[in-house]
Amino acid sequence: MKYEKLIYGLGSMVVIAGAIMKTLHLPYANAILFVGFMGTSFFQTWLVTQLKKRIKELERKS
């Protein structure tokens, strides 16, 4: 995928920002951590399904 590193980087930035906010006891830190973790996990799940489809396509060709 073309923007895989960018999406992972943005997800990591959100998680790190949430962790810093949690350390500083700022409001909404839990929500930001949750959004960061869930976003990256959903993206990773979607990416794995795309890769499985691609593997099946390549297996059919050979």
Protein backbone atom coordinates (compact mmCIF):
# COMPACT_ATOMS: atom_id res chain seq x y z
CA MET A 1 0.00 0.00 0.00
CA LYS A 2 1.24 3.44 -0.90
CA TYR A 3 0.50 5.30 2.35
CA GLU A 4 1.10 2.50 4.85
CA LYS A 5 4.03 4.17 6.60
CA LEU A 6 2.18 7.48 6.78
CA ILE A 7 -0.89 5.93 8.39
CA TYR A 8 1.21 3.98 10.90
CA GLY A 9 3.17 7.15 11.66
CA LEU A 10 0.02 9.18 12.28
CA GLY A 11 -1.39 6.45 14.51
CA SER A 12 1.84 6.34 16.48
CA MET A 13 1.81 10.11 16.87
CA VAL A 14 -1.73 10.00 18.28
CA VAL A 15 -0.79 7.25 20.73
CA ILE A 16 2.35 9.09 21.87
CA ALA A 17 0.40 12.33 22.28
CA GLY A 18 -2.20 10.49 24.37
CA ALA A 19 0.51 8.94 26.52
CA ILE A 20 2.14 12.32 27.12
CA MET A 21 -1.24 13.83 27.96
CA LYS A 22 -1.93 10.94 30.35
CA THR A 23 1.40 11.52 32.08
CA LEU A 24 0.58 15.22 32.46
CA HIS A 25 -2.94 14.39 33.72
CA LEU A 26 -4.59 16.40 30.96
CA PRO A 27 -8.24 15.83 30.06
CA TYR A 28 -9.30 13.48 27.23
CA ALA A 29 -6.02 11.55 27.35
CA ASN A 30 -7.86 8.22 27.60
CA ALA A 31 -10.00 9.06 24.59
CA ILE A 32 -6.99 10.02 22.50
CA LEU A 33 -5.15 6.83 23.47
CA PHE A 34 -8.24 4.80 22.62
CA VAL A 35 -8.64 6.46 19.22
CA GLY A 36 -4.95 5.96 18.41
CA PHE A 37 -4.89 2.30 19.36
CA MET A 38 -8.20 1.47 17.70
CA GLY A 39 -7.33 3.35 14.53
CA THR A 40 -4.05 1.55 14.07
CA SER A 41 -5.59 -1.83 14.93
CA PHE A 42 -8.43 -1.34 12.42
CA PHE A 43 -5.93 -0.32 9.76
CA GLN A 44 -3.74 -3.31 10.50
CA THR A 45 -6.74 -5.66 10.33
CA TRP A 46 -7.79 -4.18 7.00
CA LEU A 47 -4.24 -4.47 5.68
CA VAL A 48 -4.02 -8.15 6.67
CA THR A 49 -7.28 -8.92 4.85
CA GLN A 50 -5.97 -7.16 1.74
CA LEU A 51 -2.76 -9.17 1.89
CA LYS A 52 -4.69 -12.43 2.28
CA LYS A 53 -6.75 -11.59 -0.80
CA ARG A 54 -3.59 -10.84 -2.74
CA ILE A 55 -2.00 -14.13 -1.65
CA LYS A 56 -5.08 -16.07 -2.80
CA GLU A 57 -4.95 -14.30 -6.17
CA LEU A 58 -1.29 -15.20 -6.61
CA GLU A 59 -1.92 -18.82 -5.59
CA ARG A 60 -4.66 -19.12 -8.22
CA LYS A 61 -2.33 -17.83 -10.95
CA SER A 62 0.37 -20.39 -10.27
